[in-house]
Amino acid sequence: MKKLAYVIPMLAALAACDTPDGRLAATTAAGAVIGASVSGSNDKAKGAIIGGAAGLAAGTLINRQSNGNCTYQRNDGSTYVAACP
């Protein structure tokens, strides 16, 4: 239960991200934090990696819009919406 008390404020801070890149970074970081916190004492790194991968997948799905479009980022940092592959 003590671990959950650490995770909730971190998730609340990450939830403030409202750009597509911010959401993707937030879900990846949140997944890594949750994965590390719920894993056993011998495999924190493995839990963080698996949680981060799950967070990245969730962030990708969140960025996908309901009409079949995805948000992409150009090299200059600007974003645009186009059909998903």
Protein backbone atom coordinates (compact mmCIF):
# COMPACT_ATOMS: atom_id res chain seq x y z
CA MET A 1 0.00 0.00 0.00
CA LYS A 2 2.91 2.31 0.70
CA LYS A 3 4.10 1.94 -2.90
CA LEU A 4 0.73 3.08 -4.19
CA ALA A 5 0.99 6.23 -2.07
CA TYR A 6 4.17 7.13 -4.00
CA VAL A 7 2.75 6.33 -7.42
CA ILE A 8 -0.49 8.35 -7.24
CA PRO A 9 1.17 11.81 -6.92
CA MET A 10 3.56 10.95 -9.77
CA LEU A 11 0.67 9.98 -12.02
CA ALA A 12 -1.21 13.14 -11.11
CA ALA A 13 1.78 15.28 -12.08
CA LEU A 14 2.19 13.42 -15.37
CA ALA A 15 -1.51 13.75 -16.19
CA ALA A 16 -1.04 17.49 -16.72
CA CYS A 17 0.71 16.87 -20.06
CA ASP A 18 -1.66 17.81 -22.87
CA THR A 19 0.45 17.60 -26.02
CA PRO A 20 0.73 14.31 -27.92
CA ASP A 21 4.42 14.05 -27.09
CA GLY A 22 3.73 14.92 -23.47
CA ARG A 23 1.06 12.23 -23.23
CA LEU A 24 3.38 9.67 -24.78
CA ALA A 25 6.20 10.56 -22.40
CA ALA A 26 3.80 10.61 -19.45
CA THR A 27 2.32 7.20 -20.18
CA THR A 28 5.77 5.70 -20.73
CA ALA A 29 7.13 7.17 -17.50
CA ALA A 30 4.02 6.20 -15.56
CA GLY A 31 4.25 2.64 -16.86
CA ALA A 32 7.89 2.43 -15.84
CA VAL A 33 7.16 3.79 -12.35
CA ILE A 34 4.23 1.47 -11.83
CA GLY A 35 6.15 -1.51 -13.21
CA ALA A 36 9.09 -0.87 -10.89
CA SER A 37 6.87 -0.30 -7.87
CA VAL A 38 4.81 -3.47 -8.25
CA SER A 39 7.69 -5.79 -9.16
CA GLY A 40 9.61 -7.81 -6.61
CA SER A 41 12.75 -6.53 -4.94
CA ASN A 42 15.03 -8.57 -7.21
CA ASP A 43 13.62 -7.43 -10.53
CA LYS A 44 12.88 -3.68 -10.32
CA ALA A 45 14.67 -2.95 -13.61
CA LYS A 46 12.77 -5.68 -15.43
CA GLY A 47 9.48 -4.37 -14.02
CA ALA A 48 10.35 -0.83 -15.10
CA ILE A 49 11.22 -1.96 -18.64
CA ILE A 50 8.04 -4.00 -19.02
CA GLY A 51 5.93 -1.23 -17.48
CA GLY A 52 7.56 1.38 -19.71
CA ALA A 53 6.84 -0.70 -22.80
CA ALA A 54 3.23 -1.12 -21.72
CA GLY A 55 2.99 2.62 -21.07
CA LEU A 56 4.43 3.38 -24.50
CA ALA A 57 1.86 1.11 -26.13
CA ALA A 58 -0.94 2.75 -24.13
CA GLY A 59 0.32 6.22 -25.06
CA THR A 60 0.37 5.28 -28.72
CA LEU A 61 -3.24 4.12 -28.50
CA ILE A 62 -4.23 7.28 -26.66
CA ASN A 63 -2.64 9.44 -29.38
CA ARG A 64 -4.60 7.58 -32.03
CA GLN A 65 -7.74 9.54 -32.65
CA SER A 66 -11.18 7.97 -32.96
CA ASN A 67 -11.49 8.76 -36.68
CA GLY A 68 -8.46 6.68 -37.66
CA ASN A 69 -5.97 9.55 -37.65
CA CYS A 70 -2.70 9.69 -35.76
CA THR A 71 -0.65 12.61 -34.49
CA TYR A 72 2.86 12.80 -35.94
CA GLN A 73 5.83 15.03 -35.16
CA ARG A 74 8.06 16.70 -37.72
CA ASN A 75 11.82 17.15 -37.28
CA ASP A 76 11.30 20.79 -36.26
CA GLY A 77 9.03 19.72 -33.35
CA SER A 78 5.72 20.74 -34.88
CA THR A 79 2.92 18.19 -35.02
CA TYR A 80 0.32 17.30 -37.61
CA VAL A 81 -2.58 14.86 -37.93
CA ALA A 82 -2.74 12.36 -40.80
CA ALA A 83 -4.13 8.90 -41.53
CA CYS A 84 -2.60 6.11 -39.46
CA PRO A 85 -0.58 3.47 -41.32
